[in-house]
Amino acid sequence: MSSFATYLIGYIIFVIGLAVAAYLLHVQGQWIGVGALILIGLGILTATQRTKPRDPPS
């Protein structure tokens, strides 16, 4: 499994944990969905940035 996939799986597990916590705190479902969508988008951006190969020095 690539490091990108590992990072993304861990991040999705983190987002699910936050969504469950928000549900237990009686946050409305629409806001849990909006927050989860934003966090997953940030996770994809961060995973791409951290796992992309570095450019060789010129």
PDB file of N, CA and C in Angstrom:
ATOM      1  N   MET A   1       0.848  -1.168   0.000  1.00  0.00           N
ATOM      2  CA  MET A   1       0.000   0.000   0.000  1.00  0.00           C
ATOM      3  C   MET A   1       0.896   1.234   0.000  1.00  0.00           C
ATOM      4  N   SER A   2       0.537   2.201  -0.798  1.00  0.00           N
ATOM      5  CA  SER A   2       1.354   3.411  -0.902  1.00  0.00           C
ATOM      6  C   SER A   2       1.208   4.276   0.347  1.00  0.00           C
ATOM      7  N   SER A   3       2.164   5.164   0.532  1.00  0.00           N
ATOM      8  CA  SER A   3       2.103   6.049   1.693  1.00  0.00           C
ATOM      9  C   SER A   3       0.922   7.008   1.581  1.00  0.00           C
ATOM     10  N   PHE A   4       0.529   7.356   0.343  1.00  0.00           N
ATOM     11  CA  PHE A   4      -0.640   8.210   0.140  1.00  0.00           C
ATOM     12  C   PHE A   4      -1.893   7.526   0.678  1.00  0.00           C
ATOM     13  N   ALA A   5      -2.073   6.262   0.322  1.00  0.00           N
ATOM     14  CA  ALA A   5      -3.257   5.523   0.763  1.00  0.00           C
ATOM     15  C   ALA A   5      -3.261   5.344   2.279  1.00  0.00           C
ATOM     16  N   THR A   6      -2.114   5.047   2.852  1.00  0.00           N
ATOM     17  CA  THR A   6      -2.022   4.883   4.298  1.00  0.00           C
ATOM     18  C   THR A   6      -2.376   6.180   5.015  1.00  0.00           C
ATOM     19  N   TYR A   7      -1.841   7.284   4.527  1.00  0.00           N
ATOM     20  CA  TYR A   7      -2.126   8.595   5.121  1.00  0.00           C
ATOM     21  C   TYR A   7      -3.615   8.901   5.022  1.00  0.00           C
ATOM     22  N   LEU A   8      -4.186   8.657   3.848  1.00  0.00           N
ATOM     23  CA  LEU A   8      -5.591   8.981   3.634  1.00  0.00           C
ATOM     24  C   LEU A   8      -6.515   8.104   4.477  1.00  0.00           C
ATOM     25  N   ILE A   9      -6.207   6.833   4.620  1.00  0.00           N
ATOM     26  CA  ILE A   9      -7.016   5.942   5.456  1.00  0.00           C
ATOM     27  C   ILE A   9      -6.993   6.405   6.914  1.00  0.00           C
ATOM     28  N   GLY A  10      -5.816   6.742   7.401  1.00  0.00           N
ATOM     29  CA  GLY A  10      -5.711   7.249   8.771  1.00  0.00           C
ATOM     30  C   GLY A  10      -6.491   8.532   8.962  1.00  0.00           C
ATOM     31  N   TYR A  11      -6.443   9.411   7.974  1.00  0.00           N
ATOM     32  CA  TYR A  11      -7.151  10.681   8.069  1.00  0.00           C
ATOM     33  C   TYR A  11      -8.665  10.465   8.043  1.00  0.00           C
ATOM     34  N   ILE A  12      -9.126   9.524   7.219  1.00  0.00           N
ATOM     35  CA  ILE A  12     -10.566   9.237   7.159  1.00  0.00           C
ATOM     36  C   ILE A  12     -11.051   8.644   8.481  1.00  0.00           C
ATOM     37  N   ILE A  13     -10.253   7.795   9.097  1.00  0.00           N
ATOM     38  CA  ILE A  13     -10.606   7.258  10.415  1.00  0.00           C
ATOM     39  C   ILE A  13     -10.708   8.394  11.430  1.00  0.00           C
ATOM     40  N   PHE A  14      -9.788   9.349  11.352  1.00  0.00           N
ATOM     41  CA  PHE A  14      -9.819  10.529  12.225  1.00  0.00           C
ATOM     42  C   PHE A  14     -11.108  11.331  12.016  1.00  0.00           C
ATOM     43  N   VAL A  15     -11.498  11.549  10.763  1.00  0.00           N
ATOM     44  CA  VAL A  15     -12.717  12.307  10.449  1.00  0.00           C
ATOM     45  C   VAL A  15     -13.951  11.571  10.960  1.00  0.00           C
ATOM     46  N   ILE A  16     -13.973  10.245  10.819  1.00  0.00           N
ATOM     47  CA  ILE A  16     -15.110   9.470  11.324  1.00  0.00           C
ATOM     48  C   ILE A  16     -15.221   9.622  12.839  1.00  0.00           C
ATOM     49  N   GLY A  17     -14.091   9.586  13.530  1.00  0.00           N
ATOM     50  CA  GLY A  17     -14.104   9.779  14.978  1.00  0.00           C
ATOM     51  C   GLY A  17     -14.655  11.142  15.362  1.00  0.00           C
ATOM     52  N   LEU A  18     -14.261  12.175  14.639  1.00  0.00           N
ATOM     53  CA  LEU A  18     -14.788  13.512  14.916  1.00  0.00           C
ATOM     54  C   LEU A  18     -16.285  13.597  14.629  1.00  0.00           C
ATOM     55  N   ALA A  19     -16.734  12.930  13.565  1.00  0.00           N
ATOM     56  CA  ALA A  19     -18.160  12.948  13.226  1.00  0.00           C
ATOM     57  C   ALA A  19     -18.987  12.235  14.293  1.00  0.00           C
ATOM     58  N   VAL A  20     -18.483  11.128  14.814  1.00  0.00           N
ATOM     59  CA  VAL A  20     -19.187  10.413  15.885  1.00  0.00           C
ATOM     60  C   VAL A  20     -19.247  11.287  17.141  1.00  0.00           C
ATOM     61  N   ALA A  21     -18.151  11.943  17.460  1.00  0.00           N
ATOM     62  CA  ALA A  21     -18.141  12.835  18.632  1.00  0.00           C
ATOM     63  C   ALA A  21     -19.150  13.970  18.460  1.00  0.00           C
ATOM     64  N   ALA A  22     -19.218  14.539  17.257  1.00  0.00           N
ATOM     65  CA  ALA A  22     -20.186  15.614  17.004  1.00  0.00           C
ATOM     66  C   ALA A  22     -21.616  15.092  17.120  1.00  0.00           C
ATOM     67  N   TYR A  23     -21.855  13.882  16.646  1.00  0.00           N
ATOM     68  CA  TYR A  23     -23.186  13.280  16.757  1.00  0.00           C
ATOM     69  C   TYR A  23     -23.572  13.090  18.225  1.00  0.00           C
ATOM     70  N   LEU A  24     -22.614  12.627  19.028  1.00  0.00           N
ATOM     71  CA  LEU A  24     -22.891  12.427  20.456  1.00  0.00           C
ATOM     72  C   LEU A  24     -23.117  13.741  21.183  1.00  0.00           C
ATOM     73  N   LEU A  25     -22.583  14.834  20.637  1.00  0.00           N
ATOM     74  CA  LEU A  25     -22.808  16.166  21.206  1.00  0.00           C
ATOM     75  C   LEU A  25     -24.063  16.832  20.626  1.00  0.00           C
ATOM     76  N   HIS A  26     -24.844  16.062  19.849  1.00  0.00           N
ATOM     77  CA  HIS A  26     -26.125  16.500  19.278  1.00  0.00           C
ATOM     78  C   HIS A  26     -25.975  17.641  18.277  1.00  0.00           C
ATOM     79  N   VAL A  27     -24.921  17.605  17.477  1.00  0.00           N
ATOM     80  CA  VAL A  27     -24.762  18.558  16.380  1.00  0.00           C
ATOM     81  C   VAL A  27     -25.665  18.095  15.238  1.00  0.00           C
ATOM     82  N   GLN A  28     -26.276  19.034  14.540  1.00  0.00           N
ATOM     83  CA  GLN A  28     -27.172  18.674  13.440  1.00  0.00           C
ATOM     84  C   GLN A  28     -26.407  17.925  12.356  1.00  0.00           C
ATOM     85  N   GLY A  29     -27.076  16.946  11.762  1.00  0.00           N
ATOM     86  CA  GLY A  29     -26.464  16.086  10.761  1.00  0.00           C
ATOM     87  C   GLY A  29     -25.911  16.832   9.563  1.00  0.00           C
ATOM     88  N   GLN A  30     -26.586  17.889   9.142  1.00  0.00           N
ATOM     89  CA  GLN A  30     -26.106  18.640   7.975  1.00  0.00           C
ATOM     90  C   GLN A  30     -24.750  19.270   8.258  1.00  0.00           C
ATOM     91  N   TRP A  31     -24.526  19.737   9.487  1.00  0.00           N
ATOM     92  CA  TRP A  31     -23.242  20.356   9.827  1.00  0.00           C
ATOM     93  C   TRP A  31     -22.148  19.316  10.000  1.00  0.00           C
ATOM     94  N   ILE A  32     -22.528  18.130  10.452  1.00  0.00           N
ATOM     95  CA  ILE A  32     -21.549  17.040  10.528  1.00  0.00           C
ATOM     96  C   ILE A  32     -21.099  16.684   9.111  1.00  0.00           C
ATOM     97  N   GLY A  33     -22.032  16.615   8.183  1.00  0.00           N
ATOM     98  CA  GLY A  33     -21.692  16.310   6.787  1.00  0.00           C
ATOM     99  C   GLY A  33     -20.818  17.381   6.157  1.00  0.00           C
ATOM    100  N   VAL A  34     -21.144  18.640   6.400  1.00  0.00           N
ATOM    101  CA  VAL A  34     -20.342  19.731   5.855  1.00  0.00           C
ATOM    102  C   VAL A  34     -18.924  19.682   6.428  1.00  0.00           C
ATOM    103  N   GLY A  35     -18.815  19.499   7.727  1.00  0.00           N
ATOM    104  CA  GLY A  35     -17.499  19.424   8.359  1.00  0.00           C
ATOM    105  C   GLY A  35     -16.686  18.247   7.864  1.00  0.00           C
ATOM    106  N   ALA A  36     -17.331  17.094   7.719  1.00  0.00           N
ATOM    107  CA  ALA A  36     -16.636  15.900   7.231  1.00  0.00           C
ATOM    108  C   ALA A  36     -16.152  16.108   5.797  1.00  0.00           C
ATOM    109  N   LEU A  37     -16.972  16.705   4.959  1.00  0.00           N
ATOM    110  CA  LEU A  37     -16.586  16.960   3.572  1.00  0.00           C
ATOM    111  C   LEU A  37     -15.382  17.896   3.497  1.00  0.00           C
ATOM    112  N   ILE A  38     -15.396  18.945   4.288  1.00  0.00           N
ATOM    113  CA  ILE A  38     -14.268  19.884   4.308  1.00  0.00           C
ATOM    114  C   ILE A  38     -13.008  19.196   4.806  1.00  0.00           C
ATOM    115  N   LEU A  39     -13.123  18.416   5.877  1.00  0.00           N
ATOM    116  CA  LEU A  39     -11.949  17.744   6.424  1.00  0.00           C
ATOM    117  C   LEU A  39     -11.378  16.695   5.464  1.00  0.00           C
ATOM    118  N   ILE A  40     -12.237  15.976   4.760  1.00  0.00           N
ATOM    119  CA  ILE A  40     -11.746  14.997   3.791  1.00  0.00           C
ATOM    120  C   ILE A  40     -11.031  15.708   2.639  1.00  0.00           C
ATOM    121  N   GLY A  41     -11.568  16.837   2.199  1.00  0.00           N
ATOM    122  CA  GLY A  41     -10.880  17.626   1.166  1.00  0.00           C
ATOM    123  C   GLY A  41      -9.515  18.093   1.628  1.00  0.00           C
ATOM    124  N   LEU A  42      -9.431  18.578   2.861  1.00  0.00           N
ATOM    125  CA  LEU A  42      -8.140  18.989   3.417  1.00  0.00           C
ATOM    126  C   LEU A  42      -7.197  17.797   3.541  1.00  0.00           C
ATOM    127  N   GLY A  43      -7.736  16.653   3.896  1.00  0.00           N
ATOM    128  CA  GLY A  43      -6.917  15.454   4.011  1.00  0.00           C
ATOM    129  C   GLY A  43      -6.313  15.043   2.680  1.00  0.00           C
ATOM    130  N   ILE A  44      -7.094  15.134   1.609  1.00  0.00           N
ATOM    131  CA  ILE A  44      -6.579  14.795   0.282  1.00  0.00           C
ATOM    132  C   ILE A  44      -5.479  15.777  -0.123  1.00  0.00           C
ATOM    133  N   LEU A  45      -5.716  17.070   0.120  1.00  0.00           N
ATOM    134  CA  LEU A  45      -4.688  18.058  -0.208  1.00  0.00           C
ATOM    135  C   LEU A  45      -3.411  17.823   0.585  1.00  0.00           C
ATOM    136  N   THR A  46      -3.542  17.546   1.868  1.00  0.00           N
ATOM    137  CA  THR A  46      -2.375  17.327   2.724  1.00  0.00           C
ATOM    138  C   THR A  46      -1.647  16.044   2.334  1.00  0.00           C
ATOM    139  N   ALA A  47      -2.396  14.985   2.069  1.00  0.00           N
ATOM    140  CA  ALA A  47      -1.767  13.717   1.675  1.00  0.00           C
ATOM    141  C   ALA A  47      -1.009  13.865   0.365  1.00  0.00           C
ATOM    142  N   THR A  48      -1.573  14.588  -0.575  1.00  0.00           N
ATOM    143  CA  THR A  48      -0.901  14.815  -1.849  1.00  0.00           C
ATOM    144  C   THR A  48       0.383  15.613  -1.644  1.00  0.00           C
ATOM    145  N   GLN A  49       0.302  16.631  -0.822  1.00  0.00           N
ATOM    146  CA  GLN A  49       1.461  17.481  -0.584  1.00  0.00           C
ATOM    147  C   GLN A  49       2.577  16.718   0.130  1.00  0.00           C
ATOM    148  N   ARG A  50       2.238  15.893   1.094  1.00  0.00           N
ATOM    149  CA  ARG A  50       3.248  15.191   1.880  1.00  0.00           C
ATOM    150  C   ARG A  50       3.858  13.993   1.161  1.00  0.00           C
ATOM    151  N   THR A  51       3.137  13.409   0.216  1.00  0.00           N
ATOM    152  CA  THR A  51       3.630  12.178  -0.410  1.00  0.00           C
ATOM    153  C   THR A  51       4.108  12.364  -1.840  1.00  0.00           C
ATOM    154  N   LYS A  52       3.998  13.561  -2.400  1.00  0.00           N
ATOM    155  CA  LYS A  52       4.475  13.739  -3.771  1.00  0.00           C
ATOM    156  C   LYS A  52       6.007  13.686  -3.790  1.00  0.00           C
ATOM    157  N   PRO A  53       6.567  13.140  -4.854  1.00  0.00           N
ATOM    158  CA  PRO A  53       8.035  13.082  -4.923  1.00  0.00           C
ATOM    159  C   PRO A  53       8.624  14.485  -5.084  1.00  0.00           C
ATOM    160  N   ARG A  54       9.749  14.685  -4.471  1.00  0.00           N
ATOM    161  CA  ARG A  54      10.427  15.979  -4.558  1.00  0.00           C
ATOM    162  C   ARG A  54      11.084  16.137  -5.926  1.00  0.00           C
ATOM    163  N   ASP A  55      11.113  17.362  -6.419  1.00  0.00           N
ATOM    164  CA  ASP A  55      11.801  17.630  -7.670  1.00  0.00           C
ATOM    165  C   ASP A  55      13.314  17.541  -7.455  1.00  0.00           C
ATOM    166  N   PRO A  56      14.008  16.941  -8.403  1.00  0.00           N
ATOM    167  CA  PRO A  56      15.468  16.867  -8.245  1.00  0.00           C
ATOM    168  C   PRO A  56      16.083  18.266  -8.343  1.00  0.00           C
ATOM    169  N   PRO A  57      17.155  18.514  -7.590  1.00  0.00           N
ATOM    170  CA  PRO A  57      17.777  19.832  -7.656  1.00  0.00           C
ATOM    171  C   PRO A  57      18.376  20.094  -9.046  1.00  0.00           C
ATOM    172  N   SER A  58      18.274  21.321  -9.463  1.00  0.00           N
ATOM    173  CA  SER A  58      18.782  21.667 -10.808  1.00  0.00           C
ATOM    174  C   SER A  58      20.224  22.104 -10.761  1.00  0.00           C
TER     175      SER A  58
END
